Amino acid sequence: MPKMKTHKGAAKRFKVTGSGKFKRAHAFKSHILEKKSPKRKRNLRKTTVVNKVDQQRLVRLLPYS
């Protein structure tokens, strides 16, 4: 059986935690920032864990992570 290919777009956007979950960055942080409160922008800087529903899709996209 041939080796599986890693989806490079996904590999650049997601990192695996020690427990096997995937970390991701928040969206909505690139422009139209004046109307967003400082607290909201500060919280968008942090990373978060990918939802359990999308976890299986990432396992297929990133087979060697």
C-alpha atoms as a PDB file:
ATOM      1  CA  MET A   1       0.000   0.000   0.000  1.00  0.00           C
ATOM      2  CA  PRO A   2       1.444   3.414  -0.918  1.00  0.00           C
ATOM      3  CA  LYS A   3       2.141   6.101   1.626  1.00  0.00           C
ATOM      4  CA  MET A   4      -0.659   8.556   2.334  1.00  0.00           C
ATOM      5  CA  LYS A   5      -0.104  12.200   1.510  1.00  0.00           C
ATOM      6  CA  THR A   6      -0.411  14.917   4.128  1.00  0.00           C
ATOM      7  CA  HIS A   7      -2.777  17.746   3.194  1.00  0.00           C
ATOM      8  CA  LYS A   8      -0.303  20.638   3.287  1.00  0.00           C
ATOM      9  CA  GLY A   9      -2.959  23.347   3.648  1.00  0.00           C
ATOM     10  CA  ALA A  10      -4.267  21.662   6.781  1.00  0.00           C
ATOM     11  CA  ALA A  11      -0.758  20.963   8.087  1.00  0.00           C
ATOM     12  CA  LYS A  12       0.008  24.700   8.082  1.00  0.00           C
ATOM     13  CA  ARG A  13      -3.181  25.576   9.969  1.00  0.00           C
ATOM     14  CA  PHE A  14      -3.459  22.903  12.658  1.00  0.00           C
ATOM     15  CA  LYS A  15      -1.111  21.546  15.325  1.00  0.00           C
ATOM     16  CA  VAL A  16      -1.621  18.418  17.409  1.00  0.00           C
ATOM     17  CA  THR A  17      -1.706  18.641  21.207  1.00  0.00           C
ATOM     18  CA  GLY A  18      -0.187  16.046  23.485  1.00  0.00           C
ATOM     19  CA  SER A  19      -3.548  14.366  23.992  1.00  0.00           C
ATOM     20  CA  GLY A  20      -4.127  14.066  20.239  1.00  0.00           C
ATOM     21  CA  LYS A  21      -6.556  16.952  19.800  1.00  0.00           C
ATOM     22  CA  PHE A  22      -6.017  19.640  17.144  1.00  0.00           C
ATOM     23  CA  LYS A  23      -5.326  23.293  17.917  1.00  0.00           C
ATOM     24  CA  ARG A  24      -6.473  26.054  15.579  1.00  0.00           C
ATOM     25  CA  ALA A  25      -6.408  29.838  15.376  1.00  0.00           C
ATOM     26  CA  HIS A  26      -9.552  31.971  15.492  1.00  0.00           C
ATOM     27  CA  ALA A  27     -11.025  33.539  12.370  1.00  0.00           C
ATOM     28  CA  PHE A  28     -12.148  37.195  11.945  1.00  0.00           C
ATOM     29  CA  LYS A  29      -8.827  38.770  13.009  1.00  0.00           C
ATOM     30  CA  SER A  30      -7.432  40.081   9.721  1.00  0.00           C
ATOM     31  CA  HIS A  31      -9.433  43.219   8.853  1.00  0.00           C
ATOM     32  CA  ILE A  32     -12.463  45.344   9.843  1.00  0.00           C
ATOM     33  CA  LEU A  33     -11.006  45.561  13.338  1.00  0.00           C
ATOM     34  CA  GLU A  34     -12.191  49.047  14.370  1.00  0.00           C
ATOM     35  CA  LYS A  35     -15.704  47.929  15.255  1.00  0.00           C
ATOM     36  CA  LYS A  36     -14.465  44.974  17.318  1.00  0.00           C
ATOM     37  CA  SER A  37     -13.811  45.604  20.989  1.00  0.00           C
ATOM     38  CA  PRO A  38     -10.289  45.273  22.411  1.00  0.00           C
ATOM     39  CA  LYS A  39     -11.428  42.347  24.552  1.00  0.00           C
ATOM     40  CA  ARG A  40     -12.799  40.526  21.503  1.00  0.00           C
ATOM     41  CA  LYS A  41      -9.607  41.119  19.492  1.00  0.00           C
ATOM     42  CA  ARG A  42      -7.469  39.984  22.427  1.00  0.00           C
ATOM     43  CA  ASN A  43      -9.443  36.746  22.725  1.00  0.00           C
ATOM     44  CA  LEU A  44      -9.159  36.116  18.981  1.00  0.00           C
ATOM     45  CA  ARG A  45      -5.360  35.964  19.376  1.00  0.00           C
ATOM     46  CA  LYS A  46      -5.586  32.808  21.460  1.00  0.00           C
ATOM     47  CA  THR A  47      -5.747  29.322  20.027  1.00  0.00           C
ATOM     48  CA  THR A  48      -8.623  26.944  20.596  1.00  0.00           C
ATOM     49  CA  VAL A  49      -9.318  23.246  20.149  1.00  0.00           C
ATOM     50  CA  VAL A  50     -11.035  21.959  17.015  1.00  0.00           C
ATOM     51  CA  ASN A  51     -14.601  20.773  17.531  1.00  0.00           C
ATOM     52  CA  LYS A  52     -15.084  17.030  18.024  1.00  0.00           C
ATOM     53  CA  VAL A  53     -17.267  16.880  14.880  1.00  0.00           C
ATOM     54  CA  ASP A  54     -14.368  18.085  12.687  1.00  0.00           C
ATOM     55  CA  GLN A  55     -11.711  16.006  14.447  1.00  0.00           C
ATOM     56  CA  GLN A  56     -12.192  12.898  12.253  1.00  0.00           C
ATOM     57  CA  ARG A  57     -11.836  14.952   9.061  1.00  0.00           C
ATOM     58  CA  LEU A  58      -8.478  16.293  10.275  1.00  0.00           C
ATOM     59  CA  VAL A  59      -7.282  12.800  11.155  1.00  0.00           C
ATOM     60  CA  ARG A  60      -7.755  11.868   7.493  1.00  0.00           C
ATOM     61  CA  LEU A  61      -6.083  15.058   6.218  1.00  0.00           C
ATOM     62  CA  LEU A  62      -3.092  14.698   8.574  1.00  0.00           C
ATOM     63  CA  PRO A  63      -2.372  10.956   8.739  1.00  0.00           C
ATOM     64  CA  TYR A  64       1.119  11.231  10.286  1.00  0.00           C
ATOM     65  CA  SER A  65       0.463  13.769  13.013  1.00  0.00           C
END
